[in-house]
C-alpha atoms as a PDB file:
ATOM      1  CA  UNK A   1       0.000   0.000   0.000  1.00  0.00           C
ATOM      2  CA  UNK A   2       1.431   3.320  -1.041  1.00  0.00           C
ATOM      3  CA  UNK A   3       1.433   6.443   1.075  1.00  0.00           C
ATOM      4  CA  UNK A   4       1.138   8.600  -2.037  1.00  0.00           C
ATOM      5  CA  UNK A   5      -2.033  10.353  -3.019  1.00  0.00           C
ATOM      6  CA  UNK A   6      -2.784  11.317  -6.627  1.00  0.00           C
ATOM      7  CA  UNK A   7      -3.187  15.015  -7.227  1.00  0.00           C
ATOM      8  CA  UNK A   8      -4.309  16.417 -10.543  1.00  0.00           C
ATOM      9  CA  UNK A   9      -2.516  19.681 -11.179  1.00  0.00           C
ATOM     10  CA  UNK A  10      -5.004  22.229 -12.539  1.00  0.00           C
ATOM     11  CA  UNK A  11      -2.306  23.792 -14.717  1.00  0.00           C
ATOM     12  CA  UNK A  12      -1.097  20.502 -16.152  1.00  0.00           C
ATOM     13  CA  UNK A  13      -1.864  20.401 -19.878  1.00  0.00           C
ATOM     14  CA  UNK A  14      -2.699  16.703 -19.947  1.00  0.00           C
ATOM     15  CA  UNK A  15      -4.232  16.344 -16.492  1.00  0.00           C
ATOM     16  CA  UNK A  16      -1.734  13.669 -15.519  1.00  0.00           C
ATOM     17  CA  UNK A  17      -1.914  12.937 -11.772  1.00  0.00           C
ATOM     18  CA  UNK A  18       1.092  14.056  -9.776  1.00  0.00           C
ATOM     19  CA  UNK A  19       2.068  11.748  -6.926  1.00  0.00           C
ATOM     20  CA  UNK A  20       3.078  13.415  -3.670  1.00  0.00           C
ATOM     21  CA  UNK A  21       3.584  11.819  -0.267  1.00  0.00           C
ATOM     22  CA  UNK A  22       0.836  12.267   2.309  1.00  0.00           C
ATOM     23  CA  UNK A  23       3.284  12.495   5.162  1.00  0.00           C
ATOM     24  CA  UNK A  24       5.121  15.665   4.161  1.00  0.00           C
ATOM     25  CA  UNK A  25       7.305  16.443   7.139  1.00  0.00           C
ATOM     26  CA  UNK A  26       9.326  19.614   6.614  1.00  0.00           C
ATOM     27  CA  UNK A  27       8.600  23.217   5.716  1.00  0.00           C
ATOM     28  CA  UNK A  28      10.651  22.788   2.572  1.00  0.00           C
ATOM     29  CA  UNK A  29       8.512  19.797   1.541  1.00  0.00           C
ATOM     30  CA  UNK A  30       5.359  21.839   2.090  1.00  0.00           C
ATOM     31  CA  UNK A  31       6.761  24.727   0.047  1.00  0.00           C
ATOM     32  CA  UNK A  32       7.747  22.368  -2.773  1.00  0.00           C
ATOM     33  CA  UNK A  33       4.245  20.897  -2.778  1.00  0.00           C
ATOM     34  CA  UNK A  34       2.577  24.328  -2.877  1.00  0.00           C
ATOM     35  CA  UNK A  35       4.938  25.475  -5.635  1.00  0.00           C
ATOM     36  CA  UNK A  36       4.163  22.339  -7.623  1.00  0.00           C
ATOM     37  CA  UNK A  37       0.427  22.903  -7.178  1.00  0.00           C
ATOM     38  CA  UNK A  38       0.820  26.461  -8.496  1.00  0.00           C
ATOM     39  CA  UNK A  39       2.911  25.300 -11.441  1.00  0.00           C
ATOM     40  CA  UNK A  40       5.980  27.194 -10.223  1.00  0.00           C
ATOM     41  CA  UNK A  41       9.554  26.291  -9.458  1.00  0.00           C
ATOM     42  CA  UNK A  42      11.757  27.090  -6.488  1.00  0.00           C
ATOM     43  CA  UNK A  43      13.504  29.833  -8.459  1.00  0.00           C
ATOM     44  CA  UNK A  44      10.264  31.834  -8.474  1.00  0.00           C
ATOM     45  CA  UNK A  45      10.770  32.449  -4.737  1.00  0.00           C
ATOM     46  CA  UNK A  46      13.959  34.436  -5.449  1.00  0.00           C
ATOM     47  CA  UNK A  47      12.136  37.729  -6.027  1.00  0.00           C
ATOM     48  CA  UNK A  48       9.900  37.245  -2.984  1.00  0.00           C
ATOM     49  CA  UNK A  49      12.850  36.399  -0.749  1.00  0.00           C
ATOM     50  CA  UNK A  50      15.078  39.121  -2.206  1.00  0.00           C
ATOM     51  CA  UNK A  51      17.897  36.715  -3.058  1.00  0.00           C
ATOM     52  CA  UNK A  52      19.347  35.145  -6.197  1.00  0.00           C
ATOM     53  CA  UNK A  53      17.987  31.937  -7.717  1.00  0.00           C
ATOM     54  CA  UNK A  54      21.120  30.080  -6.653  1.00  0.00           C
ATOM     55  CA  UNK A  55      20.608  31.166  -3.036  1.00  0.00           C
ATOM     56  CA  UNK A  56      17.047  29.785  -3.055  1.00  0.00           C
ATOM     57  CA  UNK A  57      18.340  26.378  -4.095  1.00  0.00           C
ATOM     58  CA  UNK A  58      21.130  26.609  -1.504  1.00  0.00           C
ATOM     59  CA  UNK A  59      18.644  27.453   1.284  1.00  0.00           C
ATOM     60  CA  UNK A  60      16.484  24.488   0.310  1.00  0.00           C
ATOM     61  CA  UNK A  61      19.473  22.153   0.586  1.00  0.00           C
ATOM     62  CA  UNK A  62      20.913  23.165   3.959  1.00  0.00           C
ATOM     63  CA  UNK A  63      20.025  21.421   7.179  1.00  0.00           C
ATOM     64  CA  UNK A  64      18.764  24.345   9.258  1.00  0.00           C
ATOM     65  CA  UNK A  65      15.343  25.933   9.716  1.00  0.00           C
ATOM     66  CA  UNK A  66      14.070  28.527   7.272  1.00  0.00           C
ATOM     67  CA  UNK A  67      14.016  32.064   8.681  1.00  0.00           C
ATOM     68  CA  UNK A  68      10.553  33.437   9.499  1.00  0.00           C
ATOM     69  CA  UNK A  69      11.023  36.184   6.905  1.00  0.00           C
ATOM     70  CA  UNK A  70      11.344  33.577   4.155  1.00  0.00           C
ATOM     71  CA  UNK A  71       8.296  31.687   5.400  1.00  0.00           C
ATOM     72  CA  UNK A  72       6.181  34.862   5.431  1.00  0.00           C
ATOM     73  CA  UNK A  73       7.455  35.940   2.005  1.00  0.00           C
ATOM     74  CA  UNK A  74       6.617  32.481   0.629  1.00  0.00           C
ATOM     75  CA  UNK A  75       3.105  32.674   2.049  1.00  0.00           C
ATOM     76  CA  UNK A  76       2.573  36.074   0.460  1.00  0.00           C
ATOM     77  CA  UNK A  77       4.066  34.989  -2.878  1.00  0.00           C
ATOM     78  CA  UNK A  78       1.973  31.825  -3.103  1.00  0.00           C
ATOM     79  CA  UNK A  79      -1.185  33.511  -1.797  1.00  0.00           C
ATOM     80  CA  UNK A  80      -1.908  30.724   0.675  1.00  0.00           C
ATOM     81  CA  UNK A  81      -5.154  30.695   2.603  1.00  0.00           C
ATOM     82  CA  UNK A  82      -5.187  31.053   6.400  1.00  0.00           C
ATOM     83  CA  UNK A  83      -5.232  27.313   7.064  1.00  0.00           C
ATOM     84  CA  UNK A  84      -2.211  26.510   4.878  1.00  0.00           C
ATOM     85  CA  UNK A  85      -0.352  29.623   6.025  1.00  0.00           C
ATOM     86  CA  UNK A  86      -0.800  28.798   9.712  1.00  0.00           C
ATOM     87  CA  UNK A  87       0.161  25.179   9.112  1.00  0.00           C
ATOM     88  CA  UNK A  88       3.370  26.356   7.445  1.00  0.00           C
ATOM     89  CA  UNK A  89       4.122  28.840  10.247  1.00  0.00           C
ATOM     90  CA  UNK A  90       3.530  26.216  12.944  1.00  0.00           C
ATOM     91  CA  UNK A  91       5.723  23.665  11.209  1.00  0.00           C
ATOM     92  CA  UNK A  92       8.486  26.259  10.731  1.00  0.00           C
ATOM     93  CA  UNK A  93       8.347  27.206  14.411  1.00  0.00           C
ATOM     94  CA  UNK A  94       8.586  23.557  15.457  1.00  0.00           C
ATOM     95  CA  UNK A  95      11.536  23.011  13.120  1.00  0.00           C
ATOM     96  CA  UNK A  96      13.240  26.043  14.667  1.00  0.00           C
ATOM     97  CA  UNK A  97      13.009  24.365  18.065  1.00  0.00           C
ATOM     98  CA  UNK A  98      10.055  26.163  19.602  1.00  0.00           C
ATOM     99  CA  UNK A  99       8.322  24.029  22.190  1.00  0.00           C
ATOM    100  CA  UNK A 100       4.700  24.479  21.132  1.00  0.00           C
ATOM    101  CA  UNK A 101       2.215  22.715  23.355  1.00  0.00           C
ATOM    102  CA  UNK A 102      -0.654  21.301  21.269  1.00  0.00           C
ATOM    103  CA  UNK A 103      -3.155  21.718  24.109  1.00  0.00           C
ATOM    104  CA  UNK A 104      -3.047  25.504  23.565  1.00  0.00           C
ATOM    105  CA  UNK A 105      -3.903  25.223  19.886  1.00  0.00           C
ATOM    106  CA  UNK A 106      -7.471  25.789  18.814  1.00  0.00           C
ATOM    107  CA  UNK A 107      -8.971  22.627  17.419  1.00  0.00           C
ATOM    108  CA  UNK A 108     -12.084  22.372  15.326  1.00  0.00           C
ATOM    109  CA  UNK A 109     -14.503  19.506  15.894  1.00  0.00           C
END
């Protein structure tokens, strides 16, 4: 049984399903997924982050948390809704080492 879920990209010319893992674990994985859904590449974040295209690729390949400024700029660039934006912010904070207690988070029934 595969943990991949088919996703049909709305901008794909042939409507071929794109396979992405359900258990996306890092902020970078989430950003890649959102970029793929929008039909963009990582280099499109360069203008939003105020860095060169090479630096975007370098920041995606280092083993340290993304700065909050980059997370916020990515949210604004991709035009994410509140749910996806807060999910990305929470995941980024946890990756940065913040001890966030889930009992203080608002849950919906």
